[in-house]
């Protein structure tokens, strides 16, 4: 049995993504959005059929996440997962687009990404980190709960969307 490659997490503002990193992020986001559409019962044949707001993240992630922190996980140089943290505003930030490529699931990629995101928010004095997750993504909900997130009143009125937050002391 081979030893898995260590998980490396690179964190930088979207505007500072190198071309190869932006390309890796775009691929992960394409998989994320296509899978999400299918899970919502709104499957599309490809990226060109996604709603504009999602398609723009894929076609130009450096602009879409220009002022946000982008976290990219890789294993052996291969993109393994991603997560975006919005720029802190008024003591709060939002975690978005957590995705682990299917072949890297179960080895701690998501946990490393969330850990890096929480370290960043702690470093920047963020008191409340919020996120939304689809109800059927029970593994993600359980991970967030283990890391101190709790369900809160929704800030988005979308059916089957769970809103969560984590407050620091």
C-alpha atoms as a PDB file:
ATOM      1  CA  UNK A   1       0.000   0.000   0.000  1.00  0.00           C
ATOM      2  CA  UNK A   2       1.403   3.403  -0.956  1.00  0.00           C
ATOM      3  CA  UNK A   3       1.684   6.312   1.436  1.00  0.00           C
ATOM      4  CA  UNK A   4      -0.623   9.179   0.430  1.00  0.00           C
ATOM      5  CA  UNK A   5       1.031  12.443  -0.553  1.00  0.00           C
ATOM      6  CA  UNK A   6       0.875  15.145   2.094  1.00  0.00           C
ATOM      7  CA  UNK A   7      -1.836  17.750   1.720  1.00  0.00           C
ATOM      8  CA  UNK A   8      -0.458  21.198   0.956  1.00  0.00           C
ATOM      9  CA  UNK A   9      -2.691  24.257   1.355  1.00  0.00           C
ATOM     10  CA  UNK A  10      -1.839  27.449  -0.490  1.00  0.00           C
ATOM     11  CA  UNK A  11      -3.658  30.599   0.607  1.00  0.00           C
ATOM     12  CA  UNK A  12      -3.673  33.876  -1.284  1.00  0.00           C
ATOM     13  CA  UNK A  13      -6.066  36.570  -2.524  1.00  0.00           C
ATOM     14  CA  UNK A  14      -7.851  35.568  -5.711  1.00  0.00           C
ATOM     15  CA  UNK A  15      -6.211  38.399  -7.640  1.00  0.00           C
ATOM     16  CA  UNK A  16      -2.794  36.899  -6.837  1.00  0.00           C
ATOM     17  CA  UNK A  17      -3.499  33.392  -8.136  1.00  0.00           C
ATOM     18  CA  UNK A  18      -0.865  32.167 -10.558  1.00  0.00           C
ATOM     19  CA  UNK A  19      -2.263  30.975 -13.910  1.00  0.00           C
ATOM     20  CA  UNK A  20      -1.818  27.300 -13.008  1.00  0.00           C
ATOM     21  CA  UNK A  21      -3.526  27.817  -9.628  1.00  0.00           C
ATOM     22  CA  UNK A  22      -6.403  29.709 -11.275  1.00  0.00           C
ATOM     23  CA  UNK A  23      -6.780  26.853 -13.750  1.00  0.00           C
ATOM     24  CA  UNK A  24      -6.818  24.275 -10.938  1.00  0.00           C
ATOM     25  CA  UNK A  25      -9.365  26.343  -9.021  1.00  0.00           C
ATOM     26  CA  UNK A  26     -11.529  26.683 -12.138  1.00  0.00           C
ATOM     27  CA  UNK A  27     -11.585  22.906 -12.567  1.00  0.00           C
ATOM     28  CA  UNK A  28     -12.550  22.329  -8.945  1.00  0.00           C
ATOM     29  CA  UNK A  29     -15.267  25.000  -9.124  1.00  0.00           C
ATOM     30  CA  UNK A  30     -16.656  23.506 -12.335  1.00  0.00           C
ATOM     31  CA  UNK A  31     -16.989  20.116 -10.633  1.00  0.00           C
ATOM     32  CA  UNK A  32     -18.511  21.757  -7.543  1.00  0.00           C
ATOM     33  CA  UNK A  33     -21.133  23.741  -9.433  1.00  0.00           C
ATOM     34  CA  UNK A  34     -22.059  20.937 -11.850  1.00  0.00           C
ATOM     35  CA  UNK A  35     -22.463  18.482  -8.957  1.00  0.00           C
ATOM     36  CA  UNK A  36     -24.507  20.986  -6.948  1.00  0.00           C
ATOM     37  CA  UNK A  37     -26.845  21.646  -9.871  1.00  0.00           C
ATOM     38  CA  UNK A  38     -27.358  17.894 -10.298  1.00  0.00           C
ATOM     39  CA  UNK A  39     -28.020  17.420  -6.572  1.00  0.00           C
ATOM     40  CA  UNK A  40     -30.604  20.219  -6.673  1.00  0.00           C
ATOM     41  CA  UNK A  41     -32.382  18.363  -9.482  1.00  0.00           C
ATOM     42  CA  UNK A  42     -31.328  20.997 -12.017  1.00  0.00           C
ATOM     43  CA  UNK A  43     -28.552  19.127 -13.842  1.00  0.00           C
ATOM     44  CA  UNK A  44     -26.927  20.846 -16.802  1.00  0.00           C
ATOM     45  CA  UNK A  45     -24.777  19.341 -19.544  1.00  0.00           C
ATOM     46  CA  UNK A  46     -21.782  21.579 -18.962  1.00  0.00           C
ATOM     47  CA  UNK A  47     -20.307  24.784 -17.598  1.00  0.00           C
ATOM     48  CA  UNK A  48     -21.810  26.914 -20.384  1.00  0.00           C
ATOM     49  CA  UNK A  49     -25.293  26.062 -19.084  1.00  0.00           C
ATOM     50  CA  UNK A  50     -24.646  27.075 -15.488  1.00  0.00           C
ATOM     51  CA  UNK A  51     -26.189  30.304 -14.154  1.00  0.00           C
ATOM     52  CA  UNK A  52     -24.068  33.371 -14.968  1.00  0.00           C
ATOM     53  CA  UNK A  53     -22.862  33.928 -11.386  1.00  0.00           C
ATOM     54  CA  UNK A  54     -21.407  30.413 -11.189  1.00  0.00           C
ATOM     55  CA  UNK A  55     -20.053  30.381 -14.729  1.00  0.00           C
ATOM     56  CA  UNK A  56     -18.142  33.628 -14.082  1.00  0.00           C
ATOM     57  CA  UNK A  57     -16.388  32.039 -11.079  1.00  0.00           C
ATOM     58  CA  UNK A  58     -15.165  29.249 -13.336  1.00  0.00           C
ATOM     59  CA  UNK A  59     -14.174  31.333 -16.341  1.00  0.00           C
ATOM     60  CA  UNK A  60     -12.355  34.012 -14.322  1.00  0.00           C
ATOM     61  CA  UNK A  61     -11.746  32.976 -10.709  1.00  0.00           C
ATOM     62  CA  UNK A  62      -9.117  35.682 -10.208  1.00  0.00           C
ATOM     63  CA  UNK A  63     -11.743  38.376 -10.803  1.00  0.00           C
ATOM     64  CA  UNK A  64     -14.620  36.555  -9.111  1.00  0.00           C
ATOM     65  CA  UNK A  65     -12.624  36.181  -5.895  1.00  0.00           C
ATOM     66  CA  UNK A  66     -10.346  39.179  -6.381  1.00  0.00           C
ATOM     67  CA  UNK A  67     -10.471  40.448  -2.792  1.00  0.00           C
ATOM     68  CA  UNK A  68     -11.304  37.135  -1.121  1.00  0.00           C
ATOM     69  CA  UNK A  69      -8.878  34.594   0.274  1.00  0.00           C
ATOM     70  CA  UNK A  70      -8.630  31.507  -1.909  1.00  0.00           C
ATOM     71  CA  UNK A  71      -7.396  28.291  -0.327  1.00  0.00           C
ATOM     72  CA  UNK A  72      -6.215  25.557  -2.670  1.00  0.00           C
ATOM     73  CA  UNK A  73      -5.305  22.119  -1.394  1.00  0.00           C
ATOM     74  CA  UNK A  74      -3.104  19.850  -3.427  1.00  0.00           C
ATOM     75  CA  UNK A  75      -1.808  16.323  -3.024  1.00  0.00           C
ATOM     76  CA  UNK A  76       1.326  15.470  -4.944  1.00  0.00           C
ATOM     77  CA  UNK A  77       0.897  18.630  -7.023  1.00  0.00           C
ATOM     78  CA  UNK A  78      -2.649  17.725  -8.095  1.00  0.00           C
ATOM     79  CA  UNK A  79      -5.527  20.072  -7.153  1.00  0.00           C
ATOM     80  CA  UNK A  80      -7.442  18.280  -4.402  1.00  0.00           C
ATOM     81  CA  UNK A  81      -9.808  20.871  -2.957  1.00  0.00           C
ATOM     82  CA  UNK A  82     -10.719  24.502  -2.576  1.00  0.00           C
ATOM     83  CA  UNK A  83     -12.382  26.960  -0.253  1.00  0.00           C
ATOM     84  CA  UNK A  84     -12.980  30.713  -0.405  1.00  0.00           C
ATOM     85  CA  UNK A  85     -13.123  33.091   2.581  1.00  0.00           C
ATOM     86  CA  UNK A  86     -14.710  36.466   1.916  1.00  0.00           C
ATOM     87  CA  UNK A  87     -12.807  39.557   2.980  1.00  0.00           C
ATOM     88  CA  UNK A  88     -13.520  40.339   6.630  1.00  0.00           C
ATOM     89  CA  UNK A  89     -16.105  43.097   7.067  1.00  0.00           C
ATOM     90  CA  UNK A  90     -17.404  44.366  10.412  1.00  0.00           C
ATOM     91  CA  UNK A  91     -15.895  41.454  12.335  1.00  0.00           C
ATOM     92  CA  UNK A  92     -17.395  38.790  10.080  1.00  0.00           C
ATOM     93  CA  UNK A  93     -16.460  36.669   7.089  1.00  0.00           C
ATOM     94  CA  UNK A  94     -18.080  33.907   5.068  1.00  0.00           C
ATOM     95  CA  UNK A  95     -16.713  30.545   4.000  1.00  0.00           C
ATOM     96  CA  UNK A  96     -17.795  29.522   0.498  1.00  0.00           C
ATOM     97  CA  UNK A  97     -17.143  26.879  -2.134  1.00  0.00           C
ATOM     98  CA  UNK A  98     -15.686  24.122   0.021  1.00  0.00           C
ATOM     99  CA  UNK A  99     -15.024  21.267  -2.370  1.00  0.00           C
ATOM    100  CA  UNK A 100     -12.853  18.184  -2.291  1.00  0.00           C
ATOM    101  CA  UNK A 101     -12.227  16.334  -5.539  1.00  0.00           C
ATOM    102  CA  UNK A 102     -13.845  12.876  -5.186  1.00  0.00           C
ATOM    103  CA  UNK A 103     -10.569  10.931  -5.497  1.00  0.00           C
ATOM    104  CA  UNK A 104      -9.157  12.866  -2.510  1.00  0.00           C
ATOM    105  CA  UNK A 105     -12.093  12.441  -0.152  1.00  0.00           C
ATOM    106  CA  UNK A 106     -11.523  10.781   3.178  1.00  0.00           C
ATOM    107  CA  UNK A 107      -7.904  11.891   3.618  1.00  0.00           C
ATOM    108  CA  UNK A 108      -8.498  15.171   5.473  1.00  0.00           C
ATOM    109  CA  UNK A 109      -8.544  17.710   2.643  1.00  0.00           C
ATOM    110  CA  UNK A 110     -11.747  19.438   3.790  1.00  0.00           C
ATOM    111  CA  UNK A 111     -10.599  19.508   7.411  1.00  0.00           C
ATOM    112  CA  UNK A 112      -7.271  21.073   6.399  1.00  0.00           C
ATOM    113  CA  UNK A 113      -9.033  23.691   4.276  1.00  0.00           C
ATOM    114  CA  UNK A 114     -11.467  24.638   7.045  1.00  0.00           C
ATOM    115  CA  UNK A 115      -8.626  24.686   9.579  1.00  0.00           C
ATOM    116  CA  UNK A 116      -6.625  27.051   7.364  1.00  0.00           C
ATOM    117  CA  UNK A 117      -9.686  29.253   6.863  1.00  0.00           C
ATOM    118  CA  UNK A 118     -10.316  29.474  10.606  1.00  0.00           C
ATOM    119  CA  UNK A 119      -6.645  30.253  11.260  1.00  0.00           C
ATOM    120  CA  UNK A 120      -6.888  33.096   8.734  1.00  0.00           C
ATOM    121  CA  UNK A 121     -10.074  34.506  10.285  1.00  0.00           C
ATOM    122  CA  UNK A 122      -8.504  34.296  13.768  1.00  0.00           C
ATOM    123  CA  UNK A 123      -5.406  36.144  12.497  1.00  0.00           C
ATOM    124  CA  UNK A 124      -7.626  38.917  11.126  1.00  0.00           C
ATOM    125  CA  UNK A 125      -9.807  39.383  14.213  1.00  0.00           C
ATOM    126  CA  UNK A 126     -12.937  37.898  12.672  1.00  0.00           C
ATOM    127  CA  UNK A 127     -15.476  37.238  15.407  1.00  0.00           C
ATOM    128  CA  UNK A 128     -18.148  35.488  13.337  1.00  0.00           C
ATOM    129  CA  UNK A 129     -17.591  33.081  10.461  1.00  0.00           C
ATOM    130  CA  UNK A 130     -20.694  32.062   8.594  1.00  0.00           C
ATOM    131  CA  UNK A 131     -21.437  29.621   5.817  1.00  0.00           C
ATOM    132  CA  UNK A 132     -24.308  27.978   4.036  1.00  0.00           C
ATOM    133  CA  UNK A 133     -24.473  24.338   3.058  1.00  0.00           C
ATOM    134  CA  UNK A 134     -27.042  22.220   1.283  1.00  0.00           C
ATOM    135  CA  UNK A 135     -29.051  20.085   3.714  1.00  0.00           C
ATOM    136  CA  UNK A 136     -28.264  16.852   1.860  1.00  0.00           C
ATOM    137  CA  UNK A 137     -24.508  17.344   2.315  1.00  0.00           C
ATOM    138  CA  UNK A 138     -24.652  15.658   5.687  1.00  0.00           C
ATOM    139  CA  UNK A 139     -20.919  14.934   5.852  1.00  0.00           C
ATOM    140  CA  UNK A 140     -20.131  18.623   5.432  1.00  0.00           C
ATOM    141  CA  UNK A 141     -22.744  19.620   8.020  1.00  0.00           C
ATOM    142  CA  UNK A 142     -21.250  17.129  10.490  1.00  0.00           C
ATOM    143  CA  UNK A 143     -17.722  18.460   9.830  1.00  0.00           C
ATOM    144  CA  UNK A 144     -18.841  22.034  10.426  1.00  0.00           C
ATOM    145  CA  UNK A 145     -20.592  21.040  13.650  1.00  0.00           C
ATOM    146  CA  UNK A 146     -17.434  19.253  14.899  1.00  0.00           C
ATOM    147  CA  UNK A 147     -15.546  22.492  14.262  1.00  0.00           C
ATOM    148  CA  UNK A 148     -17.926  24.592  16.344  1.00  0.00           C
ATOM    149  CA  UNK A 149     -20.415  25.846  13.759  1.00  0.00           C
ATOM    150  CA  UNK A 150     -24.079  25.924  14.751  1.00  0.00           C
ATOM    151  CA  UNK A 151     -27.242  26.299  12.723  1.00  0.00           C
ATOM    152  CA  UNK A 152     -28.532  29.862  12.720  1.00  0.00           C
ATOM    153  CA  UNK A 153     -31.367  31.870  11.230  1.00  0.00           C
ATOM    154  CA  UNK A 154     -31.076  31.886   7.440  1.00  0.00           C
ATOM    155  CA  UNK A 155     -29.771  34.938   5.608  1.00  0.00           C
ATOM    156  CA  UNK A 156     -30.749  33.396   2.276  1.00  0.00           C
ATOM    157  CA  UNK A 157     -34.239  32.154   1.484  1.00  0.00           C
ATOM    158  CA  UNK A 158     -33.359  29.059  -0.528  1.00  0.00           C
ATOM    159  CA  UNK A 159     -35.114  25.787   0.091  1.00  0.00           C
ATOM    160  CA  UNK A 160     -32.875  23.086   1.631  1.00  0.00           C
ATOM    161  CA  UNK A 161     -30.077  25.519   2.477  1.00  0.00           C
ATOM    162  CA  UNK A 162     -28.715  25.362   6.022  1.00  0.00           C
ATOM    163  CA  UNK A 163     -27.071  28.517   7.387  1.00  0.00           C
ATOM    164  CA  UNK A 164     -24.417  28.087  10.069  1.00  0.00           C
ATOM    165  CA  UNK A 165     -22.033  30.292  12.004  1.00  0.00           C
ATOM    166  CA  UNK A 166     -19.121  30.041  14.388  1.00  0.00           C
ATOM    167  CA  UNK A 167     -18.379  32.784  16.874  1.00  0.00           C
ATOM    168  CA  UNK A 168     -15.067  33.295  18.590  1.00  0.00           C
ATOM    169  CA  UNK A 169     -14.835  34.140  22.269  1.00  0.00           C
END
